[in-house]
């Protein structure tokens, strides 16, 4: 059986969209431990692209967790850790407290080094 895929995921694009969403969220809710409903992320961040909130999510998060924020302690990753609980449709993210503070002071996240 030969199947051709018509959709190729753009992991970097969706990782950037996710980080932009997280920055906006953290500016309004400066919390270090957060849970997101995967259906909300699918709609709000990925434009109803179901694959991005399911099978491609791990790859997207692997890129997103490389984004960094300038802090008083230097440049630190925005995301400390994450856990996908697919059976509960939940994404749990733990952020570096210093990075959250940096965002609240107006710092922007830095793109990951992709070299």
C-alpha atoms as a PDB file:
ATOM      1  CA  UNK A   1       0.000   0.000   0.000  1.00  0.00           C
ATOM      2  CA  UNK A   2       1.397   3.363  -1.000  1.00  0.00           C
ATOM      3  CA  UNK A   3       0.129   6.464   0.757  1.00  0.00           C
ATOM      4  CA  UNK A   4       1.135   9.975  -0.097  1.00  0.00           C
ATOM      5  CA  UNK A   5       0.972  12.580   2.603  1.00  0.00           C
ATOM      6  CA  UNK A   6      -0.426  15.900   1.493  1.00  0.00           C
ATOM      7  CA  UNK A   7       0.334  17.653   4.754  1.00  0.00           C
ATOM      8  CA  UNK A   8       3.830  18.075   6.101  1.00  0.00           C
ATOM      9  CA  UNK A   9       4.030  19.544   9.587  1.00  0.00           C
ATOM     10  CA  UNK A  10       5.876  22.799  10.071  1.00  0.00           C
ATOM     11  CA  UNK A  11       7.245  22.204  13.549  1.00  0.00           C
ATOM     12  CA  UNK A  12       9.147  25.495  13.793  1.00  0.00           C
ATOM     13  CA  UNK A  13       6.139  27.566  12.754  1.00  0.00           C
ATOM     14  CA  UNK A  14       3.853  25.865  15.269  1.00  0.00           C
ATOM     15  CA  UNK A  15       6.517  26.036  18.007  1.00  0.00           C
ATOM     16  CA  UNK A  16       6.790  29.778  17.438  1.00  0.00           C
ATOM     17  CA  UNK A  17       2.994  30.151  17.522  1.00  0.00           C
ATOM     18  CA  UNK A  18       2.900  28.166  20.771  1.00  0.00           C
ATOM     19  CA  UNK A  19       5.611  30.318  22.381  1.00  0.00           C
ATOM     20  CA  UNK A  20       3.796  33.494  21.329  1.00  0.00           C
ATOM     21  CA  UNK A  21       0.623  32.113  22.915  1.00  0.00           C
ATOM     22  CA  UNK A  22       2.518  31.211  26.095  1.00  0.00           C
ATOM     23  CA  UNK A  23       4.139  34.663  26.301  1.00  0.00           C
ATOM     24  CA  UNK A  24       0.733  36.330  26.094  1.00  0.00           C
ATOM     25  CA  UNK A  25      -0.717  33.936  28.637  1.00  0.00           C
ATOM     26  CA  UNK A  26       2.157  34.457  31.092  1.00  0.00           C
ATOM     27  CA  UNK A  27       1.930  38.235  30.847  1.00  0.00           C
ATOM     28  CA  UNK A  28      -1.690  37.986  31.998  1.00  0.00           C
ATOM     29  CA  UNK A  29      -1.194  35.045  34.401  1.00  0.00           C
ATOM     30  CA  UNK A  30       2.418  34.971  35.677  1.00  0.00           C
ATOM     31  CA  UNK A  31       2.321  31.401  36.988  1.00  0.00           C
ATOM     32  CA  UNK A  32       5.132  28.854  36.924  1.00  0.00           C
ATOM     33  CA  UNK A  33       2.910  25.736  36.744  1.00  0.00           C
ATOM     34  CA  UNK A  34       0.109  25.732  34.210  1.00  0.00           C
ATOM     35  CA  UNK A  35      -2.281  23.267  32.593  1.00  0.00           C
ATOM     36  CA  UNK A  36      -3.818  23.760  29.178  1.00  0.00           C
ATOM     37  CA  UNK A  37      -6.664  21.839  27.588  1.00  0.00           C
ATOM     38  CA  UNK A  38      -5.358  20.313  24.356  1.00  0.00           C
ATOM     39  CA  UNK A  39      -8.588  21.159  22.527  1.00  0.00           C
ATOM     40  CA  UNK A  40      -8.170  24.831  23.437  1.00  0.00           C
ATOM     41  CA  UNK A  41      -4.590  24.821  22.187  1.00  0.00           C
ATOM     42  CA  UNK A  42      -5.667  23.058  19.004  1.00  0.00           C
ATOM     43  CA  UNK A  43      -8.186  25.817  18.324  1.00  0.00           C
ATOM     44  CA  UNK A  44      -6.417  28.905  19.727  1.00  0.00           C
ATOM     45  CA  UNK A  45      -2.834  28.150  18.685  1.00  0.00           C
ATOM     46  CA  UNK A  46      -2.808  25.597  15.888  1.00  0.00           C
ATOM     47  CA  UNK A  47      -5.826  26.762  13.914  1.00  0.00           C
ATOM     48  CA  UNK A  48      -7.747  23.515  14.405  1.00  0.00           C
ATOM     49  CA  UNK A  49      -4.851  21.401  13.111  1.00  0.00           C
ATOM     50  CA  UNK A  50      -5.571  18.257  15.127  1.00  0.00           C
ATOM     51  CA  UNK A  51      -2.217  16.644  14.335  1.00  0.00           C
ATOM     52  CA  UNK A  52      -0.367  19.551  15.956  1.00  0.00           C
ATOM     53  CA  UNK A  53      -2.186  18.999  19.240  1.00  0.00           C
ATOM     54  CA  UNK A  54      -1.735  15.230  19.148  1.00  0.00           C
ATOM     55  CA  UNK A  55       0.907  13.241  17.235  1.00  0.00           C
ATOM     56  CA  UNK A  56       3.083  16.277  16.347  1.00  0.00           C
ATOM     57  CA  UNK A  57       2.852  17.964  19.750  1.00  0.00           C
ATOM     58  CA  UNK A  58       5.968  16.325  21.185  1.00  0.00           C
ATOM     59  CA  UNK A  59       8.078  17.560  18.264  1.00  0.00           C
ATOM     60  CA  UNK A  60       6.624  21.046  18.560  1.00  0.00           C
ATOM     61  CA  UNK A  61       7.339  21.131  22.294  1.00  0.00           C
ATOM     62  CA  UNK A  62      10.899  19.893  21.732  1.00  0.00           C
ATOM     63  CA  UNK A  63      11.509  23.063  19.739  1.00  0.00           C
ATOM     64  CA  UNK A  64       9.444  25.364  21.980  1.00  0.00           C
ATOM     65  CA  UNK A  65      11.375  24.344  25.076  1.00  0.00           C
ATOM     66  CA  UNK A  66      14.549  25.718  23.459  1.00  0.00           C
ATOM     67  CA  UNK A  67      13.210  29.290  23.463  1.00  0.00           C
ATOM     68  CA  UNK A  68      14.997  31.483  25.997  1.00  0.00           C
ATOM     69  CA  UNK A  69      14.359  34.698  27.936  1.00  0.00           C
ATOM     70  CA  UNK A  70      16.909  37.223  29.180  1.00  0.00           C
ATOM     71  CA  UNK A  71      16.715  37.335  32.989  1.00  0.00           C
ATOM     72  CA  UNK A  72      18.673  38.823  35.878  1.00  0.00           C
ATOM     73  CA  UNK A  73      20.507  35.477  36.102  1.00  0.00           C
ATOM     74  CA  UNK A  74      21.338  35.459  32.399  1.00  0.00           C
ATOM     75  CA  UNK A  75      19.578  33.783  29.519  1.00  0.00           C
ATOM     76  CA  UNK A  76      17.325  30.936  30.694  1.00  0.00           C
ATOM     77  CA  UNK A  77      14.868  28.647  28.928  1.00  0.00           C
ATOM     78  CA  UNK A  78      11.247  29.721  29.137  1.00  0.00           C
ATOM     79  CA  UNK A  79       9.984  26.171  29.679  1.00  0.00           C
ATOM     80  CA  UNK A  80      11.459  24.137  32.513  1.00  0.00           C
ATOM     81  CA  UNK A  81       9.484  20.954  31.785  1.00  0.00           C
ATOM     82  CA  UNK A  82       6.289  19.736  30.200  1.00  0.00           C
ATOM     83  CA  UNK A  83       4.079  16.674  30.275  1.00  0.00           C
ATOM     84  CA  UNK A  84       1.434  15.644  27.768  1.00  0.00           C
ATOM     85  CA  UNK A  85      -1.462  13.733  29.314  1.00  0.00           C
ATOM     86  CA  UNK A  86      -3.246  12.637  26.151  1.00  0.00           C
ATOM     87  CA  UNK A  87      -5.820  10.517  27.969  1.00  0.00           C
ATOM     88  CA  UNK A  88      -6.945  13.603  29.926  1.00  0.00           C
ATOM     89  CA  UNK A  89      -6.432  15.994  26.969  1.00  0.00           C
ATOM     90  CA  UNK A  90      -4.092  18.118  29.092  1.00  0.00           C
ATOM     91  CA  UNK A  91      -0.704  19.727  28.540  1.00  0.00           C
ATOM     92  CA  UNK A  92       1.122  20.596  31.755  1.00  0.00           C
ATOM     93  CA  UNK A  93       3.956  23.115  31.514  1.00  0.00           C
ATOM     94  CA  UNK A  94       6.341  24.241  34.213  1.00  0.00           C
ATOM     95  CA  UNK A  95       8.082  27.539  33.455  1.00  0.00           C
ATOM     96  CA  UNK A  96      11.319  28.908  34.877  1.00  0.00           C
ATOM     97  CA  UNK A  97      10.261  31.506  37.482  1.00  0.00           C
ATOM     98  CA  UNK A  98      13.029  33.887  36.391  1.00  0.00           C
ATOM     99  CA  UNK A  99      11.876  33.666  32.769  1.00  0.00           C
ATOM    100  CA  UNK A 100       8.288  34.408  33.765  1.00  0.00           C
ATOM    101  CA  UNK A 101       9.565  37.425  35.709  1.00  0.00           C
ATOM    102  CA  UNK A 102      11.583  38.534  32.672  1.00  0.00           C
ATOM    103  CA  UNK A 103       8.486  38.370  30.480  1.00  0.00           C
ATOM    104  CA  UNK A 104       6.539  40.432  33.014  1.00  0.00           C
ATOM    105  CA  UNK A 105       9.312  43.052  32.804  1.00  0.00           C
ATOM    106  CA  UNK A 106       8.872  43.264  29.031  1.00  0.00           C
ATOM    107  CA  UNK A 107      11.545  40.865  27.826  1.00  0.00           C
ATOM    108  CA  UNK A 108      10.782  38.816  24.716  1.00  0.00           C
ATOM    109  CA  UNK A 109      11.687  35.201  24.164  1.00  0.00           C
ATOM    110  CA  UNK A 110      14.657  34.439  21.960  1.00  0.00           C
ATOM    111  CA  UNK A 111      14.495  32.021  19.068  1.00  0.00           C
ATOM    112  CA  UNK A 112      16.304  28.721  19.611  1.00  0.00           C
ATOM    113  CA  UNK A 113      19.687  28.183  18.033  1.00  0.00           C
ATOM    114  CA  UNK A 114      18.946  25.862  15.112  1.00  0.00           C
ATOM    115  CA  UNK A 115      22.470  25.510  13.737  1.00  0.00           C
END
